[in-house]
Amino acid sequence: MLDQLFHFIAVPIVFSAPWVGLMYYQRFRLANTVHIMDETIASVPLRWRVFYGANAAFVLMLFVLPMATPPLAIILGLIVAGTVFYRIGVGKFGGGKAAAVLVALAAIALCILPAFVMLEFMPSYIAVWDTILATWESFWLRIVYGFAQCLVNALSFGAPVYFIYFGAQEYDKGLYGEVYTKTPTKWIRIGEFILFSVFLILYLPPIPTPLGTIPFMDQSVLFTSFINWISLSIVAIMYIVKFALKVRNDTTIGGVSNIFVIGLFLVVELFFKTNLLLITAIIWLAFLVYGGLTAISYLRASSREIY
């Protein structure tokens, strides 16, 4: 009974409390971060924001949170204990032995549970890391990488359609001085979503769930043989056309850095599909792009309520 209470109640509370506390304590700064980041990437098309955000979410859930949470729990436990020691002992009761003893007991009480959980968890820390890596290599890598591949290919197929309408609008501005051609963004997004869903069904392996196995077709060979070659050709042709025509304000396939990341996904699928380290690295690269923008926005954000 005590073992179940410890593992299913005490441990989840200790590991989740630091994140809840941080989010509450930094709630205004986090809200301002979201606002600043939204303004920063407003010019980036939604489809590419989804691509980078999806990769970032996978890496965050599978690597960052599991490995950062245990140390964070004990560190924040000590910080909270120190804060309580200062605020109660100095701010309310002033000096004196009685206040010092009371505050010391409160601080120790706040540290006991996180410290106990941490001491219990530390011997298994490396084992947990090994389990995460083994699970990543045997299952999650194919899922995350397949998701990213299908998304990249669907967006690559949709990019020329956006570019055609962009060209038509530039023609309108040059000839008439204003734009008459409207981009059917909603319909293009629906088409990209349908294409992405079809690619996902074709690419992913069957996925077991508590309710049964999802019968994906596990036909990634189609991407190596045909689909990725088409996508890579589209990206290359569009880059050449944009460079030759000196197009500056088009966002259909993004800037040089975006083209580089997209190209990496397509090239790795074609030539280095069995290289675990390289595949993991490009997924982390997409995560770092999104994470870097988030970190910069957080540093710029105010801790006061503004927006």
Protein backbone atom coordinates (compact mmCIF):
# COMPACT_ATOMS: atom_id res chain seq x y z
CA MET A 1 0.00 0.00 0.00
CA LEU A 2 2.74 2.46 0.98
CA ASP A 3 4.72 1.51 -2.10
CA GLN A 4 1.74 2.29 -4.35
CA LEU A 5 1.10 5.59 -2.57
CA PHE A 6 4.75 6.53 -3.04
CA HIS A 7 4.97 5.63 -6.73
CA PHE A 8 1.52 6.71 -7.90
CA ILE A 9 0.83 9.75 -5.70
CA ALA A 10 3.97 11.13 -4.03
CA VAL A 11 6.33 10.81 -7.01
CA PRO A 12 3.95 12.36 -9.60
CA ILE A 13 3.21 15.24 -7.20
CA VAL A 14 6.90 15.89 -6.54
CA PHE A 15 7.82 15.72 -10.25
CA SER A 16 4.89 17.81 -11.50
CA ALA A 17 4.81 20.42 -8.72
CA PRO A 18 8.00 22.22 -9.89
CA TRP A 19 6.58 22.73 -13.39
CA VAL A 20 3.23 23.92 -12.04
CA GLY A 21 5.01 26.27 -9.65
CA LEU A 22 7.31 27.62 -12.35
CA MET A 23 4.43 28.21 -14.74
CA TYR A 24 2.43 30.02 -12.07
CA TYR A 25 5.38 32.08 -10.84
CA GLN A 26 6.37 33.03 -14.41
CA ARG A 27 2.81 33.19 -15.77
CA PHE A 28 3.04 36.80 -16.97
CA ARG A 29 6.45 36.30 -18.54
CA LEU A 30 5.30 33.11 -20.27
CA ALA A 31 2.21 34.87 -21.60
CA ASN A 32 4.37 37.72 -22.89
CA THR A 33 6.74 35.16 -24.43
CA VAL A 34 3.89 33.63 -26.42
CA HIS A 35 2.84 37.10 -27.60
CA ILE A 36 6.38 38.10 -28.63
CA MET A 37 6.99 34.80 -30.39
CA ASP A 38 3.71 35.10 -32.25
CA GLU A 39 4.78 38.55 -33.47
CA THR A 40 8.27 37.30 -34.34
CA ILE A 41 7.15 34.38 -36.51
CA ALA A 42 3.98 36.00 -37.86
CA SER A 43 5.61 36.23 -41.31
CA VAL A 44 6.40 32.48 -41.28
CA PRO A 45 3.57 30.48 -42.91
CA LEU A 46 1.47 28.37 -40.56
CA ARG A 47 2.51 25.15 -42.30
CA TRP A 48 6.19 25.64 -41.39
CA ARG A 49 5.31 26.68 -37.84
CA VAL A 50 3.42 23.39 -37.49
CA PHE A 51 6.43 21.48 -38.84
CA TYR A 52 8.95 22.96 -36.41
CA GLY A 53 6.47 22.97 -33.52
CA ALA A 54 5.63 19.28 -33.99
CA ASN A 55 9.30 18.29 -33.95
CA ALA A 56 9.88 20.45 -30.87
CA ALA A 57 6.92 18.85 -29.07
CA PHE A 58 8.17 15.32 -29.75
CA VAL A 59 11.71 16.07 -28.51
CA LEU A 60 10.36 17.92 -25.47
CA MET A 61 8.11 15.04 -24.43
CA LEU A 62 10.52 12.19 -25.18
CA PHE A 63 13.86 13.65 -24.07
CA VAL A 64 13.77 16.99 -22.27
CA LEU A 65 10.96 16.55 -19.75
CA PRO A 66 11.84 13.00 -18.58
CA MET A 67 15.50 13.87 -17.98
CA ALA A 68 15.13 17.42 -16.63
CA THR A 69 12.25 16.85 -14.21
CA PRO A 70 13.98 14.84 -11.40
CA PRO A 71 16.91 17.27 -10.86
CA LEU A 72 14.51 20.20 -11.18
CA ALA A 73 12.31 18.79 -8.42
CA ILE A 74 15.06 18.68 -5.80
CA ILE A 75 16.61 22.02 -6.86
CA LEU A 76 13.28 23.85 -6.66
CA GLY A 77 12.52 22.07 -3.38
CA LEU A 78 15.67 23.59 -1.91
CA ILE A 79 14.86 27.00 -3.40
CA VAL A 80 11.36 26.92 -1.92
CA ALA A 81 12.80 25.84 1.44
CA GLY A 82 15.25 28.75 1.38
CA THR A 83 12.49 31.17 0.40
CA VAL A 84 10.28 29.95 3.23
CA PHE A 85 13.22 30.22 5.64
CA TYR A 86 13.78 33.84 4.64
CA ARG A 87 10.17 35.01 4.43
CA ILE A 88 8.91 33.35 7.59
CA GLY A 89 12.03 33.71 9.70
CA VAL A 90 12.94 37.26 8.71
CA GLY A 91 9.81 38.75 7.24
CA LYS A 92 7.21 37.73 9.80
CA PHE A 93 8.77 36.51 13.01
CA GLY A 94 11.99 38.52 12.96
CA GLY A 95 15.00 37.15 14.83
CA GLY A 96 15.17 34.88 17.84
CA LYS A 97 15.77 31.21 18.51
CA ALA A 98 12.12 30.20 18.40
CA ALA A 99 11.65 31.66 14.92
CA ALA A 100 14.90 30.09 13.72
CA VAL A 101 13.85 26.65 14.96
CA LEU A 102 10.37 26.98 13.45
CA VAL A 103 11.69 28.05 10.08
CA ALA A 104 14.39 25.37 10.07
CA LEU A 105 11.73 22.71 10.67
CA ALA A 106 9.56 24.13 7.86
CA ALA A 107 12.51 24.18 5.47
CA ILE A 108 13.50 20.62 6.34
CA ALA A 109 9.91 19.44 5.86
CA LEU A 110 9.81 21.01 2.41
CA CYS A 111 13.05 19.25 1.45
CA ILE A 112 12.34 15.79 2.83
CA LEU A 113 9.94 14.50 0.18
CA PRO A 114 11.85 15.81 -2.89
CA ALA A 115 15.14 14.59 -1.41
CA PHE A 116 13.70 11.15 -0.66
CA VAL A 117 12.23 10.83 -4.14
CA MET A 118 15.50 11.97 -5.69
CA LEU A 119 17.56 9.48 -3.65
CA GLU A 120 15.20 6.70 -4.66
CA PHE A 121 15.30 7.76 -8.29
CA MET A 122 19.04 8.46 -8.74
CA PRO A 123 20.17 4.80 -8.94
CA SER A 124 17.61 4.30 -11.72
CA TYR A 125 18.46 7.55 -13.54
CA ILE A 126 20.88 5.92 -15.99
CA ALA A 127 18.51 2.99 -16.42
CA VAL A 128 15.69 5.40 -17.31
CA TRP A 129 17.95 7.12 -19.84
CA ASP A 130 18.85 3.73 -21.36
CA THR A 131 15.16 2.84 -21.53
CA ILE A 132 14.34 6.12 -23.27
CA LEU A 133 17.11 5.58 -25.83
CA ALA A 134 16.07 1.97 -26.42
CA THR A 135 12.43 2.99 -26.87
CA TRP A 136 13.49 5.83 -29.16
CA GLU A 137 15.58 3.51 -31.33
CA SER A 138 13.08 0.66 -31.50
CA PHE A 139 9.78 2.54 -31.83
CA TRP A 140 9.54 6.30 -31.40
CA LEU A 141 12.25 7.18 -33.94
CA ARG A 142 10.22 5.70 -36.80
CA ILE A 143 7.07 7.44 -35.59
CA VAL A 144 8.57 10.91 -35.05
CA TYR A 145 10.76 10.76 -38.14
CA GLY A 146 7.90 9.37 -40.23
CA PHE A 147 5.59 12.14 -39.02
CA ALA A 148 8.21 14.77 -39.95
CA GLN A 149 8.88 13.15 -43.33
CA CYS A 150 5.19 13.05 -44.26
CA LEU A 151 4.74 16.66 -43.16
CA VAL A 152 7.78 17.86 -45.13
CA ASN A 153 6.62 16.05 -48.27
CA ALA A 154 3.04 17.32 -48.02
CA LEU A 155 4.26 20.90 -47.52
CA SER A 156 6.74 20.55 -50.39
CA PHE A 157 3.93 19.47 -52.70
CA GLY A 158 1.82 22.42 -51.61
CA ALA A 159 4.58 25.02 -51.97
CA PRO A 160 4.37 25.34 -55.81
CA VAL A 161 0.65 26.09 -55.56
CA TYR A 162 1.33 28.97 -53.18
CA PHE A 163 4.13 30.14 -55.46
CA ILE A 164 1.87 30.18 -58.53
CA TYR A 165 -0.63 32.40 -56.75
CA PHE A 166 2.20 34.57 -55.44
CA GLY A 167 3.40 35.03 -59.03
CA ALA A 168 -0.12 35.91 -60.17
CA GLN A 169 -0.39 38.53 -57.43
CA GLU A 170 2.96 40.05 -58.40
CA TYR A 171 1.73 40.19 -62.01
CA ASP A 172 -1.45 41.94 -60.88
CA LYS A 173 0.54 44.52 -58.92
CA GLY A 174 2.87 45.15 -61.84
CA LEU A 175 0.09 45.47 -64.41
CA TYR A 176 -2.81 46.98 -62.48
CA GLY A 177 -1.15 48.42 -59.38
CA GLU A 178 -3.26 46.28 -57.06
CA VAL A 179 -3.92 42.60 -56.40
CA TYR A 180 -7.00 40.91 -57.85
CA THR A 181 -5.89 37.28 -57.47
CA LYS A 182 -6.61 35.86 -54.03
CA THR A 183 -4.73 32.84 -52.70
CA PRO A 184 -7.21 30.07 -51.74
CA THR A 185 -5.25 29.38 -48.55
CA LYS A 186 -8.02 27.36 -46.91
CA TRP A 187 -8.35 24.95 -49.82
CA ILE A 188 -4.60 24.56 -50.20
CA ARG A 189 -4.32 23.74 -46.49
CA ILE A 190 -7.09 21.17 -46.82
CA GLY A 191 -5.25 19.62 -49.78
CA GLU A 192 -1.98 19.55 -47.82
CA PHE A 193 -3.74 17.95 -44.85
CA ILE A 194 -5.29 15.25 -47.04
CA LEU A 195 -1.92 14.61 -48.68
CA PHE A 196 -0.24 14.47 -45.27
CA SER A 197 -2.82 11.96 -44.02
CA VAL A 198 -2.31 9.74 -47.07
CA PHE A 199 1.47 9.92 -46.67
CA LEU A 200 1.14 9.09 -42.97
CA ILE A 201 -0.95 5.99 -43.70
CA LEU A 202 1.59 4.86 -46.28
CA TYR A 203 4.74 5.58 -44.27
CA LEU A 204 4.15 4.61 -40.63
CA PRO A 205 4.40 1.05 -39.32
CA PRO A 206 1.41 -0.52 -37.51
CA ILE A 207 1.11 1.14 -34.10
CA PRO A 208 -0.15 -0.92 -31.13
CA THR A 209 -2.54 0.85 -28.75
CA PRO A 210 -4.63 -0.29 -25.74
CA LEU A 211 -7.65 -0.37 -28.06
CA GLY A 212 -5.93 -2.38 -30.78
CA THR A 213 -3.37 -1.90 -33.54
CA ILE A 214 -3.66 1.05 -35.94
CA PRO A 215 -3.12 -0.58 -39.36
CA PHE A 216 -0.68 1.78 -41.06
CA MET A 217 0.84 0.31 -44.23
CA ASP A 218 4.60 0.56 -43.47
CA GLN A 219 5.52 1.40 -47.08
CA SER A 220 8.34 3.88 -46.49
CA VAL A 221 10.09 2.41 -49.54
CA LEU A 222 7.68 4.46 -51.67
CA PHE A 223 9.23 7.62 -50.23
CA THR A 224 12.79 6.46 -50.85
CA SER A 225 11.97 5.40 -54.40
CA PHE A 226 9.55 8.10 -55.58
CA ILE A 227 7.97 10.65 -53.26
CA ASN A 228 11.11 12.13 -51.70
CA TRP A 229 12.75 12.48 -55.11
CA ILE A 230 9.72 14.46 -56.31
CA SER A 231 9.74 16.66 -53.19
CA LEU A 232 13.48 17.28 -53.43
CA SER A 233 13.08 18.22 -57.10
CA ILE A 234 10.28 20.65 -56.21
CA VAL A 235 12.40 22.32 -53.52
CA ALA A 236 15.43 22.54 -55.84
CA ILE A 237 13.45 23.94 -58.78
CA MET A 238 11.67 26.50 -56.61
CA TYR A 239 14.96 27.64 -55.08
CA ILE A 240 16.52 28.03 -58.54
CA VAL A 241 13.48 29.95 -59.82
CA LYS A 242 13.47 32.26 -56.79
CA PHE A 243 17.21 32.86 -57.14
CA ALA A 244 17.02 33.45 -60.91
CA LEU A 245 14.06 35.83 -60.63
CA LYS A 246 15.51 37.49 -57.50
CA VAL A 247 12.32 36.95 -55.53
CA ARG A 248 12.71 38.53 -52.08
CA ASN A 249 9.36 38.60 -50.33
CA ASP A 250 8.01 35.12 -51.06
CA THR A 251 7.45 32.76 -48.10
CA THR A 252 6.28 29.60 -49.89
CA ILE A 253 9.35 27.55 -48.91
CA GLY A 254 10.92 30.01 -46.46
CA GLY A 255 14.44 31.38 -46.33
CA VAL A 256 17.80 29.68 -46.73
CA SER A 257 17.77 28.15 -43.23
CA ASN A 258 14.30 26.66 -43.77
CA ILE A 259 15.30 25.25 -47.17
CA PHE A 260 18.41 23.76 -45.54
CA VAL A 261 16.38 21.94 -42.85
CA ILE A 262 13.80 20.71 -45.37
CA GLY A 263 16.53 19.53 -47.72
CA LEU A 264 18.24 17.67 -44.88
CA PHE A 265 15.08 15.70 -44.10
CA LEU A 266 14.62 14.74 -47.75
CA VAL A 267 18.28 13.88 -48.40
CA VAL A 268 18.65 11.83 -45.21
CA GLU A 269 15.57 9.80 -46.14
CA LEU A 270 17.04 9.08 -49.58
CA PHE A 271 20.65 8.27 -48.69
CA PHE A 272 21.08 7.84 -44.91
CA LYS A 273 17.82 6.31 -43.73
CA THR A 274 19.54 3.68 -41.55
CA ASN A 275 21.81 6.18 -39.76
CA LEU A 276 20.22 6.50 -36.31
CA LEU A 277 22.52 9.29 -35.14
CA LEU A 278 21.98 11.44 -38.24
CA ILE A 279 18.20 11.04 -38.19
CA THR A 280 18.10 11.94 -34.50
CA ALA A 281 20.36 14.94 -35.17
CA ILE A 282 18.09 16.49 -37.81
CA ILE A 283 15.03 16.05 -35.59
CA TRP A 284 16.97 17.81 -32.82
CA LEU A 285 18.01 20.50 -35.31
CA ALA A 286 14.36 21.31 -36.01
CA PHE A 287 13.76 21.33 -32.24
CA LEU A 288 16.70 23.71 -31.66
CA VAL A 289 15.40 26.14 -34.30
CA TYR A 290 12.04 26.36 -32.53
CA GLY A 291 13.57 26.20 -29.05
CA GLY A 292 16.05 28.97 -29.88
CA LEU A 293 13.26 31.29 -31.00
CA THR A 294 11.32 30.47 -27.83
CA ALA A 295 14.35 31.16 -25.61
CA ILE A 296 15.02 34.51 -27.30
CA SER A 297 11.36 35.50 -26.91
CA TYR A 298 11.46 34.48 -23.23
CA LEU A 299 14.57 36.59 -22.57
CA ARG A 300 12.88 39.58 -24.21
CA ALA A 301 9.61 39.13 -22.33
CA SER A 302 8.69 41.20 -19.31
CA SER A 303 7.72 39.52 -16.04
CA ARG A 304 4.87 42.01 -15.60
CA GLU A 305 1.34 41.75 -16.98
CA ILE A 306 1.43 43.66 -20.27
CA TYR A 307 -0.64 41.94 -22.96
